[in-house]
């Protein structure tokens, strides 16, 4: 962002000039040569802040001249990750923040914690990828390196190094291993494919149970955490809609404490259960049109509840987390129905079923993608087409039958010397 000095205000007083040419609030700006010989910029919004920062700068440089703050070329993974995590918190959703922090805490930092980033070699990363694949599988390795690659690109911008040690060959190797793992996973899934009758039996089994409403919300393409986070005030019976604004998760408190995600949403200080007003993405926030059966069920459920109450809770009245729901409701139900061996039958598969069944029924795929609250329809088309065994499904090529039958009713009536042909429909 360009700066322009205002000489009337002092030697280090500048205006921030925005891209549209307008001026923002004034700042103090000066470049300091740090103890490592690298020049870096220091800015402040007012004189008091400027004084504090300049004094602290020299104190920090004296205490730790080779630290991450003064020499990124000597920075370790642990030191740089703390700064990177603040950037993630300010820009990304709670789910992304948790995923990145979890991968670093579980996989990356135990291996590279005190390792200097600029001294990381490609051979070390290849060994790390091989060990991780052997221990946790190729799918986990792909996710870890997706996080690690983004972090390394951020470190490159901070001038930790000039060339990213994660080269194209390593990326291609991880990508190919993931393809093979996905192929094997799909083969296992296709041994016992998802069928419409499975979904129908599930809804029949939960009729009259306390958790029936959760299945109704999932049938509206809600993610499990969102379905468990619906409050009474989110429901509008007059318009027959539900607004998604909350989710229930079982994130460890230490991962969210002190972040912008956790303000007054924690159920209590010692609990790992949190009710968040942060959903997976910005697009996840939205209003769903309810089907009549769900409206009828909600009328009974919310009659004696307060507006801030969750519609579904545990027997103790506390928020029910996705893990709790899977263990106490979902898995016992699958076992009872005799379909627990089906790999695909997880709560999230309902989103794929909503889309696939909707397309098979003639619904517009773009409208269905919007109902799933995806930013791009390509995301839906790529990930939400599970193989469904369905005797009632219409053949998507059935329209060609009419064309072929019409062709059979046409006979050639004339061929001229020039090759011009005439046709008539039999029976005319």
Protein backbone atom coordinates (compact mmCIF):
# COMPACT_ATOMS: atom_id res chain seq x y z
CA UNK A 1 0.00 0.00 0.00
CA UNK A 2 1.58 3.36 -1.00
CA UNK A 3 2.41 6.04 1.56
CA UNK A 4 2.72 9.80 1.24
CA UNK A 5 4.59 11.89 3.78
CA UNK A 6 2.79 14.82 5.42
CA UNK A 7 5.70 17.15 6.29
CA UNK A 8 3.48 19.38 8.42
CA UNK A 9 3.01 16.54 10.88
CA UNK A 10 6.62 15.46 11.41
CA UNK A 11 9.44 13.39 9.98
CA UNK A 12 7.78 9.98 10.26
CA UNK A 13 4.12 10.94 9.74
CA UNK A 14 2.55 9.50 6.58
CA UNK A 15 -0.87 9.17 4.96
CA UNK A 16 -1.96 5.75 3.73
CA UNK A 17 -3.09 6.20 0.11
CA UNK A 18 -5.74 3.66 -0.90
CA UNK A 19 -5.98 2.19 -4.39
CA UNK A 20 -8.88 4.46 -5.28
CA UNK A 21 -6.70 7.48 -4.47
CA UNK A 22 -8.39 8.42 -1.19
CA UNK A 23 -6.46 8.91 2.05
CA UNK A 24 -6.87 6.69 5.09
CA UNK A 25 -5.87 7.48 8.66
CA UNK A 26 -2.30 8.69 9.16
CA UNK A 27 0.46 6.44 10.41
CA UNK A 28 4.02 6.66 11.65
CA UNK A 29 6.36 4.70 9.42
CA UNK A 30 10.09 4.04 9.47
CA UNK A 31 12.43 1.25 8.38
CA UNK A 32 14.81 -0.06 11.02
CA UNK A 33 17.97 -2.09 10.44
CA UNK A 34 17.68 -5.08 12.76
CA UNK A 35 20.49 -6.86 14.58
CA UNK A 36 20.73 -9.41 11.76
CA UNK A 37 21.44 -6.63 9.24
CA UNK A 38 18.01 -6.88 7.56
CA UNK A 39 15.95 -3.71 7.14
CA UNK A 40 12.27 -4.03 8.10
CA UNK A 41 9.42 -1.55 8.34
CA UNK A 42 7.75 -0.46 11.59
CA UNK A 43 4.40 1.39 11.58
CA UNK A 44 2.05 2.87 14.18
CA UNK A 45 -1.28 4.71 14.09
CA UNK A 46 -0.44 7.37 16.67
CA UNK A 47 2.51 8.95 18.50
CA UNK A 48 1.96 6.98 21.73
CA UNK A 49 1.84 3.66 19.93
CA UNK A 50 4.92 4.66 17.91
CA UNK A 51 6.91 5.31 21.09
CA UNK A 52 5.94 1.97 22.63
CA UNK A 53 6.76 0.01 19.47
CA UNK A 54 10.15 1.59 18.86
CA UNK A 55 11.27 1.03 22.46
CA UNK A 56 10.02 -2.58 22.37
CA UNK A 57 11.77 -3.13 19.04
CA UNK A 58 15.19 -2.40 20.47
CA UNK A 59 14.47 -4.43 23.62
CA UNK A 60 13.45 -7.47 21.53
CA UNK A 61 16.41 -7.11 19.19
CA UNK A 62 18.81 -7.00 22.16
CA UNK A 63 17.22 -9.97 23.93
CA UNK A 64 16.91 -12.21 20.90
CA UNK A 65 18.88 -10.92 17.91
CA UNK A 66 18.54 -14.24 16.09
CA UNK A 67 14.86 -14.84 16.84
CA UNK A 68 12.02 -15.17 14.35
CA UNK A 69 11.12 -11.52 14.84
CA UNK A 70 14.52 -10.27 13.68
CA UNK A 71 15.87 -12.99 11.41
CA UNK A 72 13.37 -15.19 9.63
CA UNK A 73 16.17 -17.18 8.02
CA UNK A 74 16.89 -18.68 11.47
CA UNK A 75 13.23 -19.15 12.45
CA UNK A 76 11.94 -22.53 13.57
CA UNK A 77 8.61 -24.12 12.65
CA UNK A 78 7.24 -23.55 16.16
CA UNK A 79 8.05 -19.82 16.14
CA UNK A 80 6.71 -19.15 12.66
CA UNK A 81 3.57 -21.22 13.16
CA UNK A 82 2.38 -19.01 16.05
CA UNK A 83 2.40 -16.00 13.70
CA UNK A 84 0.82 -17.97 10.87
CA UNK A 85 -1.98 -19.15 13.15
CA UNK A 86 -2.94 -15.53 13.89
CA UNK A 87 -3.27 -14.90 10.16
CA UNK A 88 -5.45 -18.01 9.78
CA UNK A 89 -7.66 -16.92 12.68
CA UNK A 90 -8.25 -13.48 11.18
CA UNK A 91 -9.18 -14.75 7.72
CA UNK A 92 -10.52 -18.29 7.87
CA UNK A 93 -13.52 -20.11 9.31
CA UNK A 94 -13.42 -21.99 12.60
CA UNK A 95 -13.38 -25.39 10.85
CA UNK A 96 -10.35 -24.45 8.74
CA UNK A 97 -8.58 -22.99 11.79
CA UNK A 98 -9.11 -26.20 13.77
CA UNK A 99 -7.99 -28.39 10.86
CA UNK A 100 -4.77 -26.43 10.36
CA UNK A 101 -3.97 -26.29 14.09
CA UNK A 102 -4.75 -29.99 14.53
CA UNK A 103 -2.50 -31.07 11.65
CA UNK A 104 0.35 -28.97 13.01
CA UNK A 105 -0.09 -30.17 16.59
CA UNK A 106 -0.52 -33.86 15.69
CA UNK A 107 1.69 -34.34 12.66
CA UNK A 108 3.96 -31.45 11.64
CA UNK A 109 5.34 -29.94 14.87
CA UNK A 110 6.22 -33.29 16.52
CA UNK A 111 8.47 -33.91 13.50
CA UNK A 112 9.81 -30.40 12.76
CA UNK A 113 9.12 -28.35 15.91
CA UNK A 114 12.62 -26.95 16.59
CA UNK A 115 13.83 -27.42 13.04
CA UNK A 116 14.96 -24.23 11.22
CA UNK A 117 12.65 -23.76 8.23
CA UNK A 118 15.33 -22.42 5.89
CA UNK A 119 17.42 -25.54 6.49
CA UNK A 120 14.66 -28.00 5.61
CA UNK A 121 15.65 -30.18 2.66
CA UNK A 122 13.46 -31.92 0.13
CA UNK A 123 14.86 -35.26 1.26
CA UNK A 124 13.62 -34.63 4.81
CA UNK A 125 10.14 -33.80 3.51
CA UNK A 126 10.09 -36.93 1.35
CA UNK A 127 11.00 -39.03 4.41
CA UNK A 128 8.31 -37.24 6.44
CA UNK A 129 5.71 -37.98 3.75
CA UNK A 130 6.70 -41.66 3.59
CA UNK A 131 6.55 -42.11 7.38
CA UNK A 132 3.20 -40.31 7.57
CA UNK A 133 1.72 -42.42 4.76
CA UNK A 134 2.87 -45.62 6.44
CA UNK A 135 1.43 -44.57 9.82
CA UNK A 136 -1.81 -42.82 8.81
CA UNK A 137 -2.42 -43.44 5.13
CA UNK A 138 -2.13 -41.50 1.88
CA UNK A 139 -5.35 -39.53 2.41
CA UNK A 140 -4.07 -38.04 5.67
CA UNK A 141 -0.69 -37.30 4.07
CA UNK A 142 -2.42 -35.35 1.28
CA UNK A 143 -4.33 -33.22 3.82
CA UNK A 144 -1.21 -32.60 5.95
CA UNK A 145 0.84 -31.48 2.95
CA UNK A 146 -1.99 -29.27 1.75
CA UNK A 147 -1.70 -27.43 5.08
CA UNK A 148 2.11 -27.56 5.10
CA UNK A 149 2.39 -26.22 1.52
CA UNK A 150 0.26 -23.19 2.34
CA UNK A 151 2.35 -22.54 5.44
CA UNK A 152 5.60 -22.83 3.48
CA UNK A 153 4.32 -20.36 0.87
CA UNK A 154 3.57 -17.91 3.70
CA UNK A 155 7.08 -18.45 5.07
CA UNK A 156 8.52 -17.77 1.62
CA UNK A 157 6.76 -14.39 1.58
CA UNK A 158 8.38 -13.70 4.95
CA UNK A 159 11.75 -14.42 3.30
CA UNK A 160 12.52 -17.51 5.36
CA UNK A 161 13.92 -19.01 2.17
CA UNK A 162 13.99 -18.32 -1.56
CA UNK A 163 12.92 -21.74 -2.88
CA UNK A 164 10.15 -23.90 -1.44
CA UNK A 165 11.62 -27.33 -0.50
CA UNK A 166 8.30 -29.02 -1.39
CA UNK A 167 9.08 -29.65 -5.06
CA UNK A 168 6.84 -30.82 -7.92
CA UNK A 169 8.05 -34.43 -7.74
CA UNK A 170 7.01 -34.73 -4.09
CA UNK A 171 3.63 -33.13 -4.81
CA UNK A 172 3.03 -35.50 -7.72
CA UNK A 173 4.01 -38.51 -5.59
CA UNK A 174 1.55 -37.50 -2.82
CA UNK A 175 -1.14 -36.88 -5.44
CA UNK A 176 -0.68 -40.31 -7.04
CA UNK A 177 -0.71 -42.08 -3.66
CA UNK A 178 -3.95 -40.29 -2.84
CA UNK A 179 -5.52 -41.39 -6.15
CA UNK A 180 -4.64 -45.03 -5.41
CA UNK A 181 -6.02 -44.77 -1.86
CA UNK A 182 -9.25 -43.19 -3.11
CA UNK A 183 -9.64 -45.91 -5.73
CA UNK A 184 -9.24 -48.59 -3.07
CA UNK A 185 -11.69 -46.78 -0.77
CA UNK A 186 -14.31 -46.54 -3.52
CA UNK A 187 -13.92 -50.24 -4.29
CA UNK A 188 -14.70 -51.05 -0.65
CA UNK A 189 -17.68 -48.71 -0.71
CA UNK A 190 -19.04 -50.23 -3.92
CA UNK A 191 -19.02 -53.71 -2.41
CA UNK A 192 -22.02 -52.58 -0.37
CA UNK A 193 -23.43 -49.53 -2.21
CA UNK A 194 -25.88 -47.06 -0.76
CA UNK A 195 -29.51 -47.73 -1.67
CA UNK A 196 -32.63 -45.62 -1.39
CA UNK A 197 -34.20 -48.37 0.69
CA UNK A 198 -31.46 -47.82 3.32
CA UNK A 199 -32.44 -44.17 3.71
CA UNK A 200 -36.15 -45.04 3.80
CA UNK A 201 -35.59 -47.66 6.52
CA UNK A 202 -33.59 -45.14 8.55
CA UNK A 203 -36.40 -42.59 8.54
CA UNK A 204 -38.94 -45.27 9.35
CA UNK A 205 -36.81 -46.46 12.29
CA UNK A 206 -36.45 -42.99 13.89
CA UNK A 207 -40.14 -42.05 13.74
CA UNK A 208 -41.30 -40.93 17.16
CA UNK A 209 -37.78 -40.84 18.64
CA UNK A 210 -36.20 -37.75 20.20
CA UNK A 211 -33.49 -37.63 17.54
CA UNK A 212 -35.95 -37.74 14.61
CA UNK A 213 -35.64 -33.98 14.03
CA UNK A 214 -31.88 -34.28 13.45
CA UNK A 215 -32.52 -36.66 10.54
CA UNK A 216 -35.08 -34.21 9.16
CA UNK A 217 -32.51 -31.40 9.22
CA UNK A 218 -29.95 -33.66 7.53
CA UNK A 219 -32.58 -34.41 4.87
CA UNK A 220 -32.51 -30.64 4.23
CA UNK A 221 -28.77 -31.01 3.42
CA UNK A 222 -27.57 -29.75 6.82
CA UNK A 223 -24.18 -30.89 8.04
CA UNK A 224 -24.44 -32.80 11.31
CA UNK A 225 -22.99 -29.98 13.45
CA UNK A 226 -25.45 -27.52 11.86
CA UNK A 227 -28.39 -29.88 12.43
CA UNK A 228 -27.48 -30.18 16.11
CA UNK A 229 -27.06 -26.40 16.41
CA UNK A 230 -30.54 -25.31 15.28
CA UNK A 231 -32.25 -23.23 17.97
CA UNK A 232 -35.92 -22.46 18.47
CA UNK A 233 -35.40 -18.84 17.37
CA UNK A 234 -33.94 -20.07 14.07
CA UNK A 235 -37.28 -21.60 13.06
CA UNK A 236 -40.02 -19.57 11.36
CA UNK A 237 -43.18 -21.68 11.26
CA UNK A 238 -45.15 -18.97 9.46
CA UNK A 239 -42.72 -18.89 6.51
CA UNK A 240 -41.84 -22.58 6.97
CA UNK A 241 -38.11 -21.86 7.05
CA UNK A 242 -35.09 -22.48 9.25
CA UNK A 243 -32.10 -20.12 9.35
CA UNK A 244 -28.71 -21.73 9.92
CA UNK A 245 -26.59 -19.62 12.26
CA UNK A 246 -25.03 -22.03 14.79
CA UNK A 247 -23.22 -25.33 14.99
CA UNK A 248 -22.35 -27.63 17.87
CA UNK A 249 -18.86 -29.11 17.90
CA UNK A 250 -16.58 -30.95 20.30
CA UNK A 251 -13.47 -28.84 19.72
CA UNK A 252 -10.98 -28.97 22.60
CA UNK A 253 -11.13 -25.71 24.54
CA UNK A 254 -7.36 -25.16 24.38
CA UNK A 255 -7.62 -24.97 20.58
CA UNK A 256 -10.16 -22.13 20.65
CA UNK A 257 -9.39 -20.30 23.88
CA UNK A 258 -8.43 -16.69 23.25
CA UNK A 259 -9.59 -16.71 19.62
CA UNK A 260 -12.32 -14.64 17.98
CA UNK A 261 -14.38 -17.80 17.48
CA UNK A 262 -15.02 -18.30 21.18
CA UNK A 263 -16.62 -15.34 22.93
CA UNK A 264 -19.74 -16.18 24.88
CA UNK A 265 -20.49 -19.37 22.99
CA UNK A 266 -18.75 -21.89 25.23
CA UNK A 267 -21.18 -24.06 27.15
CA UNK A 268 -18.89 -23.93 30.17
CA UNK A 269 -15.18 -23.49 30.87
CA UNK A 270 -14.43 -27.15 31.53
CA UNK A 271 -16.41 -28.56 28.63
CA UNK A 272 -15.11 -29.54 25.20
CA UNK A 273 -18.57 -28.84 23.80
CA UNK A 274 -18.98 -25.47 22.09
CA UNK A 275 -21.96 -23.82 20.40
CA UNK A 276 -20.54 -21.52 17.75
CA UNK A 277 -22.07 -18.84 15.56
CA UNK A 278 -19.29 -19.65 13.06
CA UNK A 279 -20.27 -22.16 10.37
CA UNK A 280 -17.97 -23.96 7.94
CA UNK A 281 -17.97 -21.15 5.34
CA UNK A 282 -19.74 -17.85 4.73
CA UNK A 283 -22.00 -19.65 2.25
CA UNK A 284 -23.03 -22.08 5.01
CA UNK A 285 -25.11 -19.34 6.60
CA UNK A 286 -28.49 -19.40 4.90
CA UNK A 287 -32.23 -20.03 5.07
CA UNK A 288 -33.72 -23.40 4.14
CA UNK A 289 -37.29 -23.98 2.97
CA UNK A 290 -38.78 -26.74 5.11
CA UNK A 291 -40.81 -29.65 3.77
CA UNK A 292 -44.30 -30.14 5.32
CA UNK A 293 -43.33 -33.21 7.37
CA UNK A 294 -40.57 -31.27 9.14
CA UNK A 295 -42.83 -28.30 9.88
CA UNK A 296 -45.38 -30.65 11.45
CA UNK A 297 -42.69 -32.21 13.65
CA UNK A 298 -41.27 -28.82 14.71
CA UNK A 299 -44.68 -27.55 15.82
CA UNK A 300 -44.71 -30.27 18.48
CA UNK A 301 -41.06 -29.95 19.49
CA UNK A 302 -40.76 -26.21 20.07
CA UNK A 303 -44.06 -25.71 21.89
CA UNK A 304 -42.56 -25.70 25.41
CA UNK A 305 -39.06 -24.40 24.66
CA UNK A 306 -37.49 -20.95 25.04
CA UNK A 307 -36.22 -19.11 21.97
CA UNK A 308 -32.54 -19.66 22.82
CA UNK A 309 -32.97 -23.39 23.48
CA UNK A 310 -31.47 -25.94 21.13
CA UNK A 311 -34.17 -28.07 19.52
CA UNK A 312 -32.26 -31.29 20.11
CA UNK A 313 -30.09 -31.92 23.18
CA UNK A 314 -28.76 -34.83 25.21
CA UNK A 315 -30.95 -36.40 27.89
CA UNK A 316 -29.28 -34.08 30.41
CA UNK A 317 -30.33 -31.03 28.42
CA UNK A 318 -26.78 -30.23 27.28
CA UNK A 319 -25.73 -29.64 23.65
CA UNK A 320 -25.20 -32.86 21.72
CA UNK A 321 -21.92 -32.98 19.78
CA UNK A 322 -21.51 -34.82 16.45
CA UNK A 323 -19.34 -37.49 18.14
CA UNK A 324 -21.98 -37.99 20.81
CA UNK A 325 -24.72 -38.30 18.18
CA UNK A 326 -22.76 -40.82 16.11
CA UNK A 327 -21.99 -43.03 19.09
CA UNK A 328 -25.36 -42.88 20.85
CA UNK A 329 -27.81 -42.63 17.95
CA UNK A 330 -26.35 -43.19 14.48
CA UNK A 331 -24.18 -46.30 14.95
CA UNK A 332 -26.70 -48.21 17.13
CA UNK A 333 -29.37 -47.52 14.49
CA UNK A 334 -27.21 -48.86 11.65
CA UNK A 335 -26.44 -51.96 13.70
CA UNK A 336 -30.12 -52.49 14.44
CA UNK A 337 -31.00 -52.20 10.73
CA UNK A 338 -28.16 -54.54 9.76
CA UNK A 339 -26.37 -52.03 7.55
CA UNK A 340 -23.40 -51.11 9.77
CA UNK A 341 -21.06 -52.84 7.28
CA UNK A 342 -21.81 -50.22 4.62
CA UNK A 343 -18.78 -47.93 4.54
CA UNK A 344 -20.65 -45.03 2.95
CA UNK A 345 -23.36 -44.76 5.58
CA UNK A 346 -22.14 -41.79 7.62
CA UNK A 347 -24.27 -38.78 8.57
CA UNK A 348 -22.52 -36.68 5.90
CA UNK A 349 -23.61 -39.07 3.13
CA UNK A 350 -27.09 -37.60 3.48
CA UNK A 351 -25.89 -34.45 1.71
CA UNK A 352 -24.74 -36.48 -1.27
CA UNK A 353 -28.00 -38.42 -1.27
CA UNK A 354 -30.08 -35.21 -1.22
CA UNK A 355 -28.24 -34.01 -4.33
CA UNK A 356 -28.17 -37.29 -6.27
CA UNK A 357 -31.78 -38.16 -5.55
CA UNK A 358 -32.84 -34.62 -6.42
CA UNK A 359 -31.09 -34.76 -9.82
CA UNK A 360 -32.60 -38.21 -10.50
CA UNK A 361 -36.03 -36.75 -9.72
CA UNK A 362 -35.57 -33.95 -12.25
CA UNK A 363 -34.58 -31.13 -9.90
CA UNK A 364 -32.25 -28.41 -11.18
CA UNK A 365 -28.66 -29.22 -10.16
CA UNK A 366 -27.77 -25.53 -9.70
CA UNK A 367 -30.70 -25.03 -7.30
CA UNK A 368 -29.70 -28.17 -5.40
CA UNK A 369 -26.11 -26.95 -5.16
CA UNK A 370 -27.40 -23.68 -3.71
CA UNK A 371 -29.47 -25.63 -1.19
CA UNK A 372 -26.28 -27.47 -0.17
CA UNK A 373 -24.78 -23.98 0.32
CA UNK A 374 -21.76 -24.54 -1.88
CA UNK A 375 -19.94 -21.52 -3.31
CA UNK A 376 -19.50 -23.19 -6.71
CA UNK A 377 -21.58 -25.85 -8.43
CA UNK A 378 -18.33 -27.55 -9.50
CA UNK A 379 -17.78 -28.50 -5.83
CA UNK A 380 -21.15 -30.24 -5.78
CA UNK A 381 -20.68 -32.03 -9.08
CA UNK A 382 -17.21 -33.24 -8.10
CA UNK A 383 -18.01 -34.58 -4.63
CA UNK A 384 -21.73 -35.30 -4.31
CA UNK A 385 -22.58 -38.10 -6.73
CA UNK A 386 -22.62 -41.28 -4.62
CA UNK A 387 -23.52 -44.51 -6.42
CA UNK A 388 -27.11 -45.22 -5.46
CA UNK A 389 -28.87 -48.52 -6.09
CA UNK A 390 -32.39 -47.40 -6.81
CA UNK A 391 -34.98 -49.47 -8.70
CA UNK A 392 -37.21 -46.41 -8.95
CA UNK A 393 -34.52 -44.29 -10.59
CA UNK A 394 -35.34 -43.02 -14.08
CA UNK A 395 -32.86 -43.93 -16.81
CA UNK A 396 -31.09 -40.63 -17.66
CA UNK A 397 -30.84 -41.85 -21.30
CA UNK A 398 -34.52 -42.77 -21.52
CA UNK A 399 -35.33 -39.80 -23.73
CA UNK A 400 -33.40 -41.46 -26.58
CA UNK A 401 -35.98 -44.24 -26.70
CA UNK A 402 -38.51 -41.82 -28.20
CA UNK A 403 -36.02 -40.70 -30.85
CA UNK A 404 -35.23 -44.29 -31.86
CA UNK A 405 -38.92 -45.26 -31.98
CA UNK A 406 -39.68 -42.28 -34.17
CA UNK A 407 -36.85 -43.29 -36.50
CA UNK A 408 -38.38 -46.75 -36.86
CA UNK A 409 -41.62 -45.18 -38.07
CA UNK A 410 -39.95 -43.32 -40.94
CA UNK A 411 -39.41 -44.95 -44.37
CA UNK A 412 -37.49 -43.74 -47.40
CA UNK A 413 -39.86 -42.91 -50.29
CA UNK A 414 -37.62 -41.53 -53.02
CA UNK A 415 -34.00 -41.29 -54.16
CA UNK A 416 -33.23 -38.92 -57.03
CA UNK A 417 -30.28 -38.97 -59.45
CA UNK A 418 -28.67 -36.17 -57.50
CA UNK A 419 -28.82 -38.14 -54.29
CA UNK A 420 -31.62 -36.08 -52.70
CA UNK A 421 -33.75 -38.21 -50.40
CA UNK A 422 -37.31 -37.82 -49.23
CA UNK A 423 -38.92 -39.34 -46.16
CA UNK A 424 -42.40 -39.89 -44.83
CA UNK A 425 -43.72 -41.10 -41.47
CA UNK A 426 -45.37 -44.52 -41.72
CA UNK A 427 -49.10 -44.28 -41.14
CA UNK A 428 -49.54 -40.74 -42.51
